[in-house]
């Protein structure tokens, strides 16, 4: 199934936003660790970051479809 240029642009925009959020979460987690925040809170943030990474991978797969050789 081919996606239109509009859909591709929307996917790329969501990808860029999520990528920035992922970087922000990473910085937030590092700060939480440095300040000695609640380990449970840090674990929750890490779980959210992992979910973002999974979503980024899904979007990337839609942007760059697998080519079967």
C-alpha atoms as a PDB file:
ATOM      1  CA  UNK A   1       0.000   0.000   0.000  1.00  0.00           C
ATOM      2  CA  UNK A   2       1.464   3.304  -1.097  1.00  0.00           C
ATOM      3  CA  UNK A   3       1.113   6.433   0.973  1.00  0.00           C
ATOM      4  CA  UNK A   4       0.502   9.830  -0.561  1.00  0.00           C
ATOM      5  CA  UNK A   5       2.965  12.681  -0.279  1.00  0.00           C
ATOM      6  CA  UNK A   6       0.653  14.335   2.272  1.00  0.00           C
ATOM      7  CA  UNK A   7       0.629  11.197   4.438  1.00  0.00           C
ATOM      8  CA  UNK A   8       4.418  10.926   4.145  1.00  0.00           C
ATOM      9  CA  UNK A   9       4.779  14.558   5.255  1.00  0.00           C
ATOM     10  CA  UNK A  10       2.496  13.936   8.255  1.00  0.00           C
ATOM     11  CA  UNK A  11       4.447  10.801   9.203  1.00  0.00           C
ATOM     12  CA  UNK A  12       7.751  12.680   8.934  1.00  0.00           C
ATOM     13  CA  UNK A  13       6.371  15.516  11.082  1.00  0.00           C
ATOM     14  CA  UNK A  14       5.174  13.109  13.782  1.00  0.00           C
ATOM     15  CA  UNK A  15       8.535  11.337  13.602  1.00  0.00           C
ATOM     16  CA  UNK A  16      10.417  14.619  14.104  1.00  0.00           C
ATOM     17  CA  UNK A  17       8.215  15.596  17.065  1.00  0.00           C
ATOM     18  CA  UNK A  18       8.595  12.203  18.707  1.00  0.00           C
ATOM     19  CA  UNK A  19      12.342  12.198  18.121  1.00  0.00           C
ATOM     20  CA  UNK A  20      12.603  15.528  19.961  1.00  0.00           C
ATOM     21  CA  UNK A  21      10.338  14.254  22.759  1.00  0.00           C
ATOM     22  CA  UNK A  22      12.551  11.176  23.046  1.00  0.00           C
ATOM     23  CA  UNK A  23      15.647  13.370  23.455  1.00  0.00           C
ATOM     24  CA  UNK A  24      13.794  15.530  26.011  1.00  0.00           C
ATOM     25  CA  UNK A  25      12.751  12.452  27.990  1.00  0.00           C
ATOM     26  CA  UNK A  26      16.348  11.254  27.994  1.00  0.00           C
ATOM     27  CA  UNK A  27      17.509  14.587  29.444  1.00  0.00           C
ATOM     28  CA  UNK A  28      14.696  14.555  32.001  1.00  0.00           C
ATOM     29  CA  UNK A  29      15.570  11.027  33.107  1.00  0.00           C
ATOM     30  CA  UNK A  30      19.240  11.947  33.488  1.00  0.00           C
ATOM     31  CA  UNK A  31      18.263  14.978  35.579  1.00  0.00           C
ATOM     32  CA  UNK A  32      15.928  12.875  37.726  1.00  0.00           C
ATOM     33  CA  UNK A  33      18.742  10.389  38.367  1.00  0.00           C
ATOM     34  CA  UNK A  34      21.179  13.201  39.184  1.00  0.00           C
ATOM     35  CA  UNK A  35      18.756  14.775  41.665  1.00  0.00           C
ATOM     36  CA  UNK A  36      17.929  11.449  43.277  1.00  0.00           C
ATOM     37  CA  UNK A  37      14.244  11.351  42.366  1.00  0.00           C
ATOM     38  CA  UNK A  38      11.965   8.456  43.251  1.00  0.00           C
ATOM     39  CA  UNK A  39      13.186   5.306  41.431  1.00  0.00           C
ATOM     40  CA  UNK A  40       9.591   4.372  40.595  1.00  0.00           C
ATOM     41  CA  UNK A  41       9.081   7.714  38.864  1.00  0.00           C
ATOM     42  CA  UNK A  42      12.305   7.231  36.926  1.00  0.00           C
ATOM     43  CA  UNK A  43      11.204   3.731  35.900  1.00  0.00           C
ATOM     44  CA  UNK A  44       7.884   5.110  34.608  1.00  0.00           C
ATOM     45  CA  UNK A  45       9.717   7.722  32.555  1.00  0.00           C
ATOM     46  CA  UNK A  46      11.977   5.036  31.106  1.00  0.00           C
ATOM     47  CA  UNK A  47       8.898   2.986  30.142  1.00  0.00           C
ATOM     48  CA  UNK A  48       7.367   5.995  28.366  1.00  0.00           C
ATOM     49  CA  UNK A  49      10.663   6.629  26.596  1.00  0.00           C
ATOM     50  CA  UNK A  50      10.757   3.010  25.450  1.00  0.00           C
ATOM     51  CA  UNK A  51       7.194   3.283  24.129  1.00  0.00           C
ATOM     52  CA  UNK A  52       8.262   6.393  22.192  1.00  0.00           C
ATOM     53  CA  UNK A  53      11.188   4.472  20.735  1.00  0.00           C
ATOM     54  CA  UNK A  54       8.824   1.721  19.577  1.00  0.00           C
ATOM     55  CA  UNK A  55       6.544   4.321  17.959  1.00  0.00           C
ATOM     56  CA  UNK A  56       9.548   5.946  16.288  1.00  0.00           C
ATOM     57  CA  UNK A  57      10.493   2.571  14.831  1.00  0.00           C
ATOM     58  CA  UNK A  58       6.957   2.065  13.493  1.00  0.00           C
ATOM     59  CA  UNK A  59       7.008   5.487  11.856  1.00  0.00           C
ATOM     60  CA  UNK A  60      10.467   4.908  10.437  1.00  0.00           C
ATOM     61  CA  UNK A  61       9.256   1.637   8.916  1.00  0.00           C
ATOM     62  CA  UNK A  62       6.443   3.558   7.206  1.00  0.00           C
ATOM     63  CA  UNK A  63       8.852   6.211   5.935  1.00  0.00           C
ATOM     64  CA  UNK A  64      11.423   3.698   4.707  1.00  0.00           C
ATOM     65  CA  UNK A  65       9.528   0.577   3.633  1.00  0.00           C
ATOM     66  CA  UNK A  66      11.370  -2.712   3.550  1.00  0.00           C
ATOM     67  CA  UNK A  67      12.599  -3.638   0.089  1.00  0.00           C
ATOM     68  CA  UNK A  68      12.483  -7.357  -0.547  1.00  0.00           C
ATOM     69  CA  UNK A  69      15.442  -8.286  -2.722  1.00  0.00           C
END
